[in-house]
């Protein structure tokens, strides 16, 4: 662990202790790049706080203040646009904010010095429910995967016994869930049929969006195949997780990264190759996932219009 990581860990412990002063808190851990050991000079601090009882806004505001941060905006009582702009201008965009409960989460963001602190708060019962759902036969949301991924990778600061129970429950990635997530990732997408149009027109901006969307499908399918919960929908730690993948296309990451600068026609061919190679791996290592239709729709293309439709109608 280098000195950069050391002081971030110390700061995380300081913030965690500020939240732990509330008797409602059952556990706290560090997540994100610091927990993964891939943080750098730009890294924020991601902290997860688990509450046995719903926190009041006062509970959260006091924890931020004890940490040494400020609450400039409480979105339960939103500022006017002029007030918000004034706060942003006065701090060059670095303001402390807390949001009301939404999507099973309390979110606090504030600064200590130049460090952006993000605190994600959940009820302990919510985590227990998420862990039950992963063993079922239903799809789970990105938000659910993200918190479970954070639990798997997180570094406990308090409530170690609670977190270890959660880690053990999350460690078994069910094959049934893998099939569900893979089938969702490779589901039909009619937008891809226009890829040749934008490649031939050299419309790189639109084509890159299509390529990125297909790359997202490939990455999600590979994560599920390898029993890895989605850690971030932007795939910002893909370098780290790619190393953990036992099953992936040859030269996966270099080929994926090359798509950003590849010639349009080559980019189309290469992302399709990665998609099909991923399907091959699914068939080999996770029989039961339905790859047949995906192999078909990836070849669908927008038709070249060669005939005036009125000529066609006249022939009827």
C-alpha atoms as a PDB file:
ATOM      1  CA  UNK A   1       0.000   0.000   0.000  1.00  0.00           C
ATOM      2  CA  UNK A   2       1.592   3.290  -1.066  1.00  0.00           C
ATOM      3  CA  UNK A   3       1.581   6.591   0.835  1.00  0.00           C
ATOM      4  CA  UNK A   4      -1.206   7.999  -1.332  1.00  0.00           C
ATOM      5  CA  UNK A   5      -3.458   5.112  -0.392  1.00  0.00           C
ATOM      6  CA  UNK A   6      -2.368   5.317   3.252  1.00  0.00           C
ATOM      7  CA  UNK A   7      -3.555   8.861   3.806  1.00  0.00           C
ATOM      8  CA  UNK A   8      -6.800   8.157   1.961  1.00  0.00           C
ATOM      9  CA  UNK A   9      -7.425   5.169   4.227  1.00  0.00           C
ATOM     10  CA  UNK A  10      -6.763   7.391   7.248  1.00  0.00           C
ATOM     11  CA  UNK A  11      -9.184  10.011   5.934  1.00  0.00           C
ATOM     12  CA  UNK A  12     -11.792   7.315   5.327  1.00  0.00           C
ATOM     13  CA  UNK A  13     -11.435   6.115   8.912  1.00  0.00           C
ATOM     14  CA  UNK A  14     -11.897   9.687  10.100  1.00  0.00           C
ATOM     15  CA  UNK A  15     -15.093  10.143   8.059  1.00  0.00           C
ATOM     16  CA  UNK A  16     -16.348   6.698   9.016  1.00  0.00           C
ATOM     17  CA  UNK A  17     -15.903   7.445  12.705  1.00  0.00           C
ATOM     18  CA  UNK A  18     -17.981  10.620  12.296  1.00  0.00           C
ATOM     19  CA  UNK A  19     -20.886   8.518  11.028  1.00  0.00           C
ATOM     20  CA  UNK A  20     -20.290   5.743  13.555  1.00  0.00           C
ATOM     21  CA  UNK A  21     -21.056   8.146  16.396  1.00  0.00           C
ATOM     22  CA  UNK A  22     -24.716   7.590  15.573  1.00  0.00           C
ATOM     23  CA  UNK A  23     -26.146   4.565  17.365  1.00  0.00           C
ATOM     24  CA  UNK A  24     -28.216   3.879  14.238  1.00  0.00           C
ATOM     25  CA  UNK A  25     -25.120   2.891  12.220  1.00  0.00           C
ATOM     26  CA  UNK A  26     -24.323  -0.838  12.061  1.00  0.00           C
ATOM     27  CA  UNK A  27     -21.402  -0.930   9.628  1.00  0.00           C
ATOM     28  CA  UNK A  28     -19.118   1.235   7.489  1.00  0.00           C
ATOM     29  CA  UNK A  29     -16.710   0.294   4.728  1.00  0.00           C
ATOM     30  CA  UNK A  30     -14.524   1.859   2.046  1.00  0.00           C
ATOM     31  CA  UNK A  31     -15.430   1.130  -1.562  1.00  0.00           C
ATOM     32  CA  UNK A  32     -14.389   2.270  -5.020  1.00  0.00           C
ATOM     33  CA  UNK A  33     -10.879   2.571  -6.363  1.00  0.00           C
ATOM     34  CA  UNK A  34      -9.297   2.756  -2.907  1.00  0.00           C
ATOM     35  CA  UNK A  35     -10.730  -0.613  -1.889  1.00  0.00           C
ATOM     36  CA  UNK A  36      -9.560  -2.057  -5.212  1.00  0.00           C
ATOM     37  CA  UNK A  37      -6.084  -0.568  -4.755  1.00  0.00           C
ATOM     38  CA  UNK A  38      -6.212   1.284  -8.072  1.00  0.00           C
ATOM     39  CA  UNK A  39      -6.630   4.847  -6.776  1.00  0.00           C
ATOM     40  CA  UNK A  40      -4.531   7.682  -8.143  1.00  0.00           C
ATOM     41  CA  UNK A  41      -4.125  11.421  -7.610  1.00  0.00           C
ATOM     42  CA  UNK A  42      -7.624  12.088  -8.959  1.00  0.00           C
ATOM     43  CA  UNK A  43      -9.448   9.503  -6.864  1.00  0.00           C
ATOM     44  CA  UNK A  44     -12.445  10.433  -4.771  1.00  0.00           C
ATOM     45  CA  UNK A  45     -13.239   8.728  -1.485  1.00  0.00           C
ATOM     46  CA  UNK A  46     -16.221   6.337  -1.580  1.00  0.00           C
ATOM     47  CA  UNK A  47     -17.662   5.339   1.783  1.00  0.00           C
ATOM     48  CA  UNK A  48     -20.653   3.095   2.438  1.00  0.00           C
ATOM     49  CA  UNK A  49     -22.674   3.522   5.619  1.00  0.00           C
ATOM     50  CA  UNK A  50     -25.289   0.989   6.732  1.00  0.00           C
ATOM     51  CA  UNK A  51     -28.058   2.103   9.046  1.00  0.00           C
ATOM     52  CA  UNK A  52     -30.171  -0.127  11.282  1.00  0.00           C
ATOM     53  CA  UNK A  53     -32.786   2.622  11.378  1.00  0.00           C
ATOM     54  CA  UNK A  54     -33.484   5.396   8.847  1.00  0.00           C
ATOM     55  CA  UNK A  55     -31.267   8.417   9.575  1.00  0.00           C
ATOM     56  CA  UNK A  56     -32.781  11.845   9.989  1.00  0.00           C
ATOM     57  CA  UNK A  57     -31.399  14.719   7.971  1.00  0.00           C
ATOM     58  CA  UNK A  58     -29.934  15.977  11.226  1.00  0.00           C
ATOM     59  CA  UNK A  59     -28.084  12.657  11.712  1.00  0.00           C
ATOM     60  CA  UNK A  60     -26.476  13.014   8.305  1.00  0.00           C
ATOM     61  CA  UNK A  61     -25.733  16.744   8.544  1.00  0.00           C
ATOM     62  CA  UNK A  62     -24.072  16.259  11.931  1.00  0.00           C
ATOM     63  CA  UNK A  63     -21.921  13.442  10.529  1.00  0.00           C
ATOM     64  CA  UNK A  64     -20.792  15.659   7.645  1.00  0.00           C
ATOM     65  CA  UNK A  65     -19.919  18.481  10.038  1.00  0.00           C
ATOM     66  CA  UNK A  66     -18.080  16.117  12.417  1.00  0.00           C
ATOM     67  CA  UNK A  67     -16.070  14.959   9.408  1.00  0.00           C
ATOM     68  CA  UNK A  68     -14.987  18.529   8.697  1.00  0.00           C
ATOM     69  CA  UNK A  69     -17.232  19.024   5.666  1.00  0.00           C
ATOM     70  CA  UNK A  70     -20.067  21.447   4.967  1.00  0.00           C
ATOM     71  CA  UNK A  71     -23.643  21.005   3.764  1.00  0.00           C
ATOM     72  CA  UNK A  72     -24.125  23.831   1.288  1.00  0.00           C
ATOM     73  CA  UNK A  73     -27.219  22.370  -0.361  1.00  0.00           C
ATOM     74  CA  UNK A  74     -29.877  20.124   1.118  1.00  0.00           C
ATOM     75  CA  UNK A  75     -31.955  18.908  -1.814  1.00  0.00           C
ATOM     76  CA  UNK A  76     -34.949  18.312   0.437  1.00  0.00           C
ATOM     77  CA  UNK A  77     -35.246  22.098   0.305  1.00  0.00           C
ATOM     78  CA  UNK A  78     -33.741  22.947  -3.096  1.00  0.00           C
ATOM     79  CA  UNK A  79     -32.087  26.330  -3.660  1.00  0.00           C
ATOM     80  CA  UNK A  80     -33.147  28.583  -6.490  1.00  0.00           C
ATOM     81  CA  UNK A  81     -31.065  28.370  -9.632  1.00  0.00           C
ATOM     82  CA  UNK A  82     -29.487  31.718  -8.802  1.00  0.00           C
ATOM     83  CA  UNK A  83     -28.594  30.544  -5.288  1.00  0.00           C
ATOM     84  CA  UNK A  84     -27.080  27.320  -6.624  1.00  0.00           C
ATOM     85  CA  UNK A  85     -25.017  29.169  -9.230  1.00  0.00           C
ATOM     86  CA  UNK A  86     -23.762  31.543  -6.568  1.00  0.00           C
ATOM     87  CA  UNK A  87     -22.632  28.664  -4.359  1.00  0.00           C
ATOM     88  CA  UNK A  88     -20.960  26.911  -7.288  1.00  0.00           C
ATOM     89  CA  UNK A  89     -19.173  30.069  -8.415  1.00  0.00           C
ATOM     90  CA  UNK A  90     -17.993  30.780  -4.887  1.00  0.00           C
ATOM     91  CA  UNK A  91     -16.451  27.327  -4.533  1.00  0.00           C
ATOM     92  CA  UNK A  92     -15.478  26.552  -8.145  1.00  0.00           C
ATOM     93  CA  UNK A  93     -18.010  23.731  -8.190  1.00  0.00           C
ATOM     94  CA  UNK A  94     -17.010  22.142  -4.897  1.00  0.00           C
ATOM     95  CA  UNK A  95     -20.072  22.220  -2.682  1.00  0.00           C
ATOM     96  CA  UNK A  96     -21.378  19.896  -0.016  1.00  0.00           C
ATOM     97  CA  UNK A  97     -24.745  18.323  -0.821  1.00  0.00           C
ATOM     98  CA  UNK A  98     -27.123  15.823   0.712  1.00  0.00           C
ATOM     99  CA  UNK A  99     -30.039  14.247  -1.110  1.00  0.00           C
ATOM    100  CA  UNK A 100     -33.312  12.845   0.231  1.00  0.00           C
ATOM    101  CA  UNK A 101     -33.852   9.082   0.292  1.00  0.00           C
ATOM    102  CA  UNK A 102     -34.131   7.795  -3.273  1.00  0.00           C
ATOM    103  CA  UNK A 103     -33.754   4.333  -4.864  1.00  0.00           C
ATOM    104  CA  UNK A 104     -33.104   2.815  -1.424  1.00  0.00           C
ATOM    105  CA  UNK A 105     -30.144   5.165  -0.815  1.00  0.00           C
ATOM    106  CA  UNK A 106     -29.180   8.253   1.136  1.00  0.00           C
ATOM    107  CA  UNK A 107     -26.446  10.116  -0.727  1.00  0.00           C
ATOM    108  CA  UNK A 108     -24.078  12.657   0.843  1.00  0.00           C
ATOM    109  CA  UNK A 109     -21.293  14.429  -1.064  1.00  0.00           C
ATOM    110  CA  UNK A 110     -18.931  16.941   0.492  1.00  0.00           C
ATOM    111  CA  UNK A 111     -15.303  18.060   0.485  1.00  0.00           C
ATOM    112  CA  UNK A 112     -12.542  17.844   3.030  1.00  0.00           C
ATOM    113  CA  UNK A 113      -9.757  19.971   1.635  1.00  0.00           C
ATOM    114  CA  UNK A 114      -9.564  19.037  -2.040  1.00  0.00           C
ATOM    115  CA  UNK A 115     -10.935  15.528  -1.564  1.00  0.00           C
ATOM    116  CA  UNK A 116     -14.446  14.756  -2.785  1.00  0.00           C
ATOM    117  CA  UNK A 117     -16.157  12.491  -0.250  1.00  0.00           C
ATOM    118  CA  UNK A 118     -19.098  10.403  -1.414  1.00  0.00           C
ATOM    119  CA  UNK A 119     -21.126   8.642   1.264  1.00  0.00           C
ATOM    120  CA  UNK A 120     -23.733   6.118   0.155  1.00  0.00           C
ATOM    121  CA  UNK A 121     -26.121   5.145   2.920  1.00  0.00           C
ATOM    122  CA  UNK A 122     -28.380   2.071   2.987  1.00  0.00           C
ATOM    123  CA  UNK A 123     -30.519   0.270   5.483  1.00  0.00           C
ATOM    124  CA  UNK A 124     -28.933  -2.997   6.575  1.00  0.00           C
ATOM    125  CA  UNK A 125     -32.258  -4.666   5.811  1.00  0.00           C
ATOM    126  CA  UNK A 126     -32.030  -3.444   2.199  1.00  0.00           C
ATOM    127  CA  UNK A 127     -28.699  -5.211   1.760  1.00  0.00           C
ATOM    128  CA  UNK A 128     -30.136  -8.404   3.245  1.00  0.00           C
ATOM    129  CA  UNK A 129     -33.012  -8.223   0.775  1.00  0.00           C
ATOM    130  CA  UNK A 130     -30.645  -7.685  -2.167  1.00  0.00           C
ATOM    131  CA  UNK A 131     -28.629 -10.723  -1.146  1.00  0.00           C
ATOM    132  CA  UNK A 132     -31.788 -12.832  -1.063  1.00  0.00           C
ATOM    133  CA  UNK A 133     -32.787 -11.660  -4.530  1.00  0.00           C
ATOM    134  CA  UNK A 134     -29.556 -12.689  -6.230  1.00  0.00           C
ATOM    135  CA  UNK A 135     -30.391 -16.327  -5.525  1.00  0.00           C
ATOM    136  CA  UNK A 136     -33.817 -16.056  -7.154  1.00  0.00           C
ATOM    137  CA  UNK A 137     -34.885 -16.445 -10.756  1.00  0.00           C
ATOM    138  CA  UNK A 138     -35.385 -12.744 -11.485  1.00  0.00           C
ATOM    139  CA  UNK A 139     -33.294  -9.976 -12.994  1.00  0.00           C
ATOM    140  CA  UNK A 140     -31.517  -7.624 -10.609  1.00  0.00           C
ATOM    141  CA  UNK A 141     -30.927  -3.948 -11.291  1.00  0.00           C
ATOM    142  CA  UNK A 142     -27.623  -2.197 -11.870  1.00  0.00           C
ATOM    143  CA  UNK A 143     -28.036  -0.453  -8.518  1.00  0.00           C
ATOM    144  CA  UNK A 144     -28.351  -3.792  -6.755  1.00  0.00           C
ATOM    145  CA  UNK A 145     -25.286  -5.185  -8.517  1.00  0.00           C
ATOM    146  CA  UNK A 146     -23.241  -2.095  -7.685  1.00  0.00           C
ATOM    147  CA  UNK A 147     -23.886  -2.304  -3.947  1.00  0.00           C
ATOM    148  CA  UNK A 148     -23.267  -6.077  -3.889  1.00  0.00           C
ATOM    149  CA  UNK A 149     -20.036  -5.571  -5.834  1.00  0.00           C
ATOM    150  CA  UNK A 150     -19.005  -2.930  -3.321  1.00  0.00           C
ATOM    151  CA  UNK A 151     -19.679  -5.356  -0.475  1.00  0.00           C
ATOM    152  CA  UNK A 152     -17.553  -8.053  -2.134  1.00  0.00           C
ATOM    153  CA  UNK A 153     -14.607  -5.681  -2.639  1.00  0.00           C
ATOM    154  CA  UNK A 154     -15.084  -3.261   0.262  1.00  0.00           C
ATOM    155  CA  UNK A 155     -12.647  -2.683   3.122  1.00  0.00           C
ATOM    156  CA  UNK A 156     -14.542  -2.771   6.457  1.00  0.00           C
ATOM    157  CA  UNK A 157     -14.067   0.079   8.908  1.00  0.00           C
ATOM    158  CA  UNK A 158     -16.676  -1.017  11.449  1.00  0.00           C
ATOM    159  CA  UNK A 159     -19.292  -3.724  11.811  1.00  0.00           C
ATOM    160  CA  UNK A 160     -16.804  -6.255  10.489  1.00  0.00           C
ATOM    161  CA  UNK A 161     -18.904  -9.232  11.588  1.00  0.00           C
ATOM    162  CA  UNK A 162     -21.946  -7.927   9.696  1.00  0.00           C
ATOM    163  CA  UNK A 163     -19.953  -7.193   6.558  1.00  0.00           C
ATOM    164  CA  UNK A 164     -18.249 -10.593   6.604  1.00  0.00           C
ATOM    165  CA  UNK A 165     -21.664 -12.304   6.669  1.00  0.00           C
ATOM    166  CA  UNK A 166     -22.679 -10.229   3.644  1.00  0.00           C
ATOM    167  CA  UNK A 167     -19.427 -10.983   1.846  1.00  0.00           C
ATOM    168  CA  UNK A 168     -19.947 -14.704   2.344  1.00  0.00           C
ATOM    169  CA  UNK A 169     -23.517 -14.492   1.030  1.00  0.00           C
ATOM    170  CA  UNK A 170     -22.400 -12.523  -2.049  1.00  0.00           C
ATOM    171  CA  UNK A 171     -19.428 -14.732  -2.826  1.00  0.00           C
ATOM    172  CA  UNK A 172     -21.554 -17.369  -4.555  1.00  0.00           C
ATOM    173  CA  UNK A 173     -22.599 -15.902  -7.911  1.00  0.00           C
ATOM    174  CA  UNK A 174     -25.481 -18.183  -8.987  1.00  0.00           C
ATOM    175  CA  UNK A 175     -25.399 -19.657 -12.503  1.00  0.00           C
ATOM    176  CA  UNK A 176     -29.097 -18.851 -12.789  1.00  0.00           C
ATOM    177  CA  UNK A 177     -28.317 -15.175 -12.254  1.00  0.00           C
ATOM    178  CA  UNK A 178     -25.459 -15.315 -14.757  1.00  0.00           C
ATOM    179  CA  UNK A 179     -27.833 -16.649 -17.420  1.00  0.00           C
ATOM    180  CA  UNK A 180     -30.395 -13.945 -16.681  1.00  0.00           C
ATOM    181  CA  UNK A 181     -27.828 -11.152 -16.902  1.00  0.00           C
ATOM    182  CA  UNK A 182     -26.208 -12.570 -20.040  1.00  0.00           C
ATOM    183  CA  UNK A 183     -29.547 -12.973 -21.804  1.00  0.00           C
ATOM    184  CA  UNK A 184     -30.324  -9.365 -20.888  1.00  0.00           C
ATOM    185  CA  UNK A 185     -26.939  -8.123 -22.121  1.00  0.00           C
ATOM    186  CA  UNK A 186     -27.189  -9.841 -25.505  1.00  0.00           C
ATOM    187  CA  UNK A 187     -30.860  -9.034 -26.103  1.00  0.00           C
ATOM    188  CA  UNK A 188     -31.899  -7.715 -29.523  1.00  0.00           C
ATOM    189  CA  UNK A 189     -30.970  -4.118 -30.239  1.00  0.00           C
ATOM    190  CA  UNK A 190     -32.327  -2.697 -33.495  1.00  0.00           C
ATOM    191  CA  UNK A 191     -30.015   0.325 -33.365  1.00  0.00           C
ATOM    192  CA  UNK A 192     -27.062  -1.824 -34.470  1.00  0.00           C
ATOM    193  CA  UNK A 193     -28.615  -2.448 -37.879  1.00  0.00           C
ATOM    194  CA  UNK A 194     -27.577   1.083 -38.926  1.00  0.00           C
ATOM    195  CA  UNK A 195     -23.872   0.533 -38.174  1.00  0.00           C
ATOM    196  CA  UNK A 196     -22.860   0.190 -41.847  1.00  0.00           C
ATOM    197  CA  UNK A 197     -24.751   3.359 -42.701  1.00  0.00           C
ATOM    198  CA  UNK A 198     -22.740   5.480 -40.290  1.00  0.00           C
ATOM    199  CA  UNK A 199     -19.488   3.690 -41.106  1.00  0.00           C
ATOM    200  CA  UNK A 200     -19.902   4.367 -44.836  1.00  0.00           C
ATOM    201  CA  UNK A 201     -20.891   7.965 -44.160  1.00  0.00           C
ATOM    202  CA  UNK A 202     -17.847   8.317 -41.839  1.00  0.00           C
ATOM    203  CA  UNK A 203     -20.173   9.666 -39.184  1.00  0.00           C
ATOM    204  CA  UNK A 204     -17.791   8.791 -36.381  1.00  0.00           C
ATOM    205  CA  UNK A 205     -19.734  10.550 -33.627  1.00  0.00           C
ATOM    206  CA  UNK A 206     -22.888   8.467 -34.108  1.00  0.00           C
ATOM    207  CA  UNK A 207     -20.961   5.290 -34.935  1.00  0.00           C
ATOM    208  CA  UNK A 208     -18.859   5.595 -31.789  1.00  0.00           C
ATOM    209  CA  UNK A 209     -22.063   5.689 -29.759  1.00  0.00           C
ATOM    210  CA  UNK A 210     -23.200   2.440 -31.379  1.00  0.00           C
ATOM    211  CA  UNK A 211     -19.775   0.853 -30.860  1.00  0.00           C
ATOM    212  CA  UNK A 212     -19.760   1.905 -27.189  1.00  0.00           C
ATOM    213  CA  UNK A 213     -23.238   0.483 -26.710  1.00  0.00           C
ATOM    214  CA  UNK A 214     -22.166  -2.862 -28.188  1.00  0.00           C
ATOM    215  CA  UNK A 215     -19.013  -2.812 -26.055  1.00  0.00           C
ATOM    216  CA  UNK A 216     -21.216  -2.345 -22.985  1.00  0.00           C
ATOM    217  CA  UNK A 217     -23.147  -5.474 -23.979  1.00  0.00           C
ATOM    218  CA  UNK A 218     -19.945  -7.466 -24.335  1.00  0.00           C
ATOM    219  CA  UNK A 219     -18.520  -6.291 -21.002  1.00  0.00           C
ATOM    220  CA  UNK A 220     -21.741  -6.979 -19.104  1.00  0.00           C
ATOM    221  CA  UNK A 221     -21.999 -10.469 -20.587  1.00  0.00           C
ATOM    222  CA  UNK A 222     -18.374 -11.241 -19.695  1.00  0.00           C
ATOM    223  CA  UNK A 223     -18.756  -9.942 -16.149  1.00  0.00           C
ATOM    224  CA  UNK A 224     -21.768 -12.201 -15.599  1.00  0.00           C
ATOM    225  CA  UNK A 225     -20.072 -15.174 -17.254  1.00  0.00           C
ATOM    226  CA  UNK A 226     -17.132 -14.755 -14.885  1.00  0.00           C
ATOM    227  CA  UNK A 227     -19.325 -14.361 -11.806  1.00  0.00           C
ATOM    228  CA  UNK A 228     -18.501 -10.690 -11.284  1.00  0.00           C
ATOM    229  CA  UNK A 229     -21.202  -8.244 -10.193  1.00  0.00           C
ATOM    230  CA  UNK A 230     -21.363  -5.027 -12.205  1.00  0.00           C
ATOM    231  CA  UNK A 231     -19.152  -2.608 -10.227  1.00  0.00           C
ATOM    232  CA  UNK A 232     -19.879   0.530 -12.266  1.00  0.00           C
ATOM    233  CA  UNK A 233     -22.088   1.065 -15.349  1.00  0.00           C
ATOM    234  CA  UNK A 234     -19.353   3.200 -16.921  1.00  0.00           C
ATOM    235  CA  UNK A 235     -16.878   0.300 -16.582  1.00  0.00           C
ATOM    236  CA  UNK A 236     -14.259   2.663 -15.192  1.00  0.00           C
ATOM    237  CA  UNK A 237     -12.377  -0.181 -13.457  1.00  0.00           C
ATOM    238  CA  UNK A 238     -12.383  -2.478 -16.477  1.00  0.00           C
ATOM    239  CA  UNK A 239      -8.581  -2.863 -16.455  1.00  0.00           C
ATOM    240  CA  UNK A 240      -8.792  -4.307 -12.953  1.00  0.00           C
ATOM    241  CA  UNK A 241     -11.742  -6.612 -13.587  1.00  0.00           C
ATOM    242  CA  UNK A 242     -10.469  -7.789 -16.965  1.00  0.00           C
ATOM    243  CA  UNK A 243      -7.477  -9.275 -15.170  1.00  0.00           C
ATOM    244  CA  UNK A 244      -9.882 -11.279 -13.015  1.00  0.00           C
ATOM    245  CA  UNK A 245     -11.793 -12.745 -15.944  1.00  0.00           C
ATOM    246  CA  UNK A 246     -10.916 -16.368 -16.507  1.00  0.00           C
ATOM    247  CA  UNK A 247     -12.981 -16.389 -19.709  1.00  0.00           C
ATOM    248  CA  UNK A 248     -12.711 -13.566 -22.222  1.00  0.00           C
ATOM    249  CA  UNK A 249     -11.795 -13.155 -25.904  1.00  0.00           C
ATOM    250  CA  UNK A 250      -8.086 -13.238 -26.750  1.00  0.00           C
ATOM    251  CA  UNK A 251      -6.427  -9.827 -26.348  1.00  0.00           C
ATOM    252  CA  UNK A 252      -9.767  -8.589 -25.049  1.00  0.00           C
ATOM    253  CA  UNK A 253      -8.820  -5.267 -23.476  1.00  0.00           C
ATOM    254  CA  UNK A 254      -6.355  -4.063 -26.164  1.00  0.00           C
ATOM    255  CA  UNK A 255      -8.894  -4.884 -28.869  1.00  0.00           C
ATOM    256  CA  UNK A 256     -11.649  -3.072 -26.993  1.00  0.00           C
ATOM    257  CA  UNK A 257      -9.504   0.014 -26.412  1.00  0.00           C
ATOM    258  CA  UNK A 258      -8.420   0.094 -30.071  1.00  0.00           C
ATOM    259  CA  UNK A 259     -12.026   0.637 -31.115  1.00  0.00           C
ATOM    260  CA  UNK A 260     -11.844   4.293 -30.083  1.00  0.00           C
ATOM    261  CA  UNK A 261      -9.347   5.112 -32.836  1.00  0.00           C
ATOM    262  CA  UNK A 262     -10.036   2.365 -35.401  1.00  0.00           C
ATOM    263  CA  UNK A 263     -11.278   3.062 -38.930  1.00  0.00           C
ATOM    264  CA  UNK A 264     -15.100   2.911 -39.025  1.00  0.00           C
ATOM    265  CA  UNK A 265     -15.415  -0.293 -41.049  1.00  0.00           C
ATOM    266  CA  UNK A 266     -12.792  -2.074 -38.954  1.00  0.00           C
ATOM    267  CA  UNK A 267     -14.454  -0.943 -35.710  1.00  0.00           C
ATOM    268  CA  UNK A 268     -17.749  -2.456 -36.850  1.00  0.00           C
ATOM    269  CA  UNK A 269     -16.072  -5.743 -37.775  1.00  0.00           C
ATOM    270  CA  UNK A 270     -14.054  -5.915 -34.567  1.00  0.00           C
ATOM    271  CA  UNK A 271     -16.887  -5.235 -32.099  1.00  0.00           C
ATOM    272  CA  UNK A 272     -18.975  -7.854 -33.896  1.00  0.00           C
ATOM    273  CA  UNK A 273     -16.075 -10.290 -33.581  1.00  0.00           C
ATOM    274  CA  UNK A 274     -15.783  -9.590 -29.848  1.00  0.00           C
ATOM    275  CA  UNK A 275     -19.533 -10.037 -29.468  1.00  0.00           C
ATOM    276  CA  UNK A 276     -19.524 -13.399 -31.273  1.00  0.00           C
ATOM    277  CA  UNK A 277     -16.430 -14.624 -29.418  1.00  0.00           C
ATOM    278  CA  UNK A 278     -18.195 -13.762 -26.172  1.00  0.00           C
ATOM    279  CA  UNK A 279     -21.191 -15.833 -27.278  1.00  0.00           C
ATOM    280  CA  UNK A 280     -18.818 -18.733 -28.019  1.00  0.00           C
ATOM    281  CA  UNK A 281     -17.475 -18.499 -24.478  1.00  0.00           C
ATOM    282  CA  UNK A 282     -20.986 -18.418 -23.042  1.00  0.00           C
ATOM    283  CA  UNK A 283     -21.928 -21.556 -24.990  1.00  0.00           C
ATOM    284  CA  UNK A 284     -18.775 -23.288 -23.785  1.00  0.00           C
ATOM    285  CA  UNK A 285     -18.857 -22.350 -20.109  1.00  0.00           C
ATOM    286  CA  UNK A 286     -22.519 -21.654 -19.323  1.00  0.00           C
ATOM    287  CA  UNK A 287     -24.783 -23.932 -21.320  1.00  0.00           C
ATOM    288  CA  UNK A 288     -28.399 -22.871 -21.136  1.00  0.00           C
ATOM    289  CA  UNK A 289     -27.993 -19.203 -21.992  1.00  0.00           C
ATOM    290  CA  UNK A 290     -29.809 -18.439 -25.255  1.00  0.00           C
ATOM    291  CA  UNK A 291     -27.207 -17.182 -27.743  1.00  0.00           C
ATOM    292  CA  UNK A 292     -28.888 -18.334 -30.945  1.00  0.00           C
ATOM    293  CA  UNK A 293     -30.960 -15.253 -31.691  1.00  0.00           C
ATOM    294  CA  UNK A 294     -28.065 -12.954 -30.759  1.00  0.00           C
ATOM    295  CA  UNK A 295     -25.929 -14.614 -33.431  1.00  0.00           C
ATOM    296  CA  UNK A 296     -28.670 -13.816 -35.918  1.00  0.00           C
ATOM    297  CA  UNK A 297     -29.598 -10.235 -35.053  1.00  0.00           C
ATOM    298  CA  UNK A 298     -25.980  -9.050 -34.965  1.00  0.00           C
ATOM    299  CA  UNK A 299     -26.034  -9.463 -38.779  1.00  0.00           C
ATOM    300  CA  UNK A 300     -29.215  -7.471 -39.368  1.00  0.00           C
ATOM    301  CA  UNK A 301     -28.548  -4.433 -41.560  1.00  0.00           C
ATOM    302  CA  UNK A 302     -30.514  -1.501 -42.849  1.00  0.00           C
ATOM    303  CA  UNK A 303     -31.434  -2.222 -46.464  1.00  0.00           C
ATOM    304  CA  UNK A 304     -30.006  -0.255 -49.381  1.00  0.00           C
ATOM    305  CA  UNK A 305     -32.968   1.368 -51.110  1.00  0.00           C
ATOM    306  CA  UNK A 306     -32.727   0.546 -54.801  1.00  0.00           C
ATOM    307  CA  UNK A 307     -36.323   0.833 -55.927  1.00  0.00           C
ATOM    308  CA  UNK A 308     -38.802   3.672 -55.908  1.00  0.00           C
ATOM    309  CA  UNK A 309     -41.679   2.390 -53.728  1.00  0.00           C
ATOM    310  CA  UNK A 310     -44.185   3.747 -56.248  1.00  0.00           C
ATOM    311  CA  UNK A 311     -42.687   1.377 -58.826  1.00  0.00           C
ATOM    312  CA  UNK A 312     -43.277  -1.462 -56.398  1.00  0.00           C
ATOM    313  CA  UNK A 313     -46.852  -0.354 -55.782  1.00  0.00           C
ATOM    314  CA  UNK A 314     -47.546  -0.065 -59.521  1.00  0.00           C
ATOM    315  CA  UNK A 315     -46.539  -3.678 -59.911  1.00  0.00           C
ATOM    316  CA  UNK A 316     -49.149  -4.938 -57.437  1.00  0.00           C
END
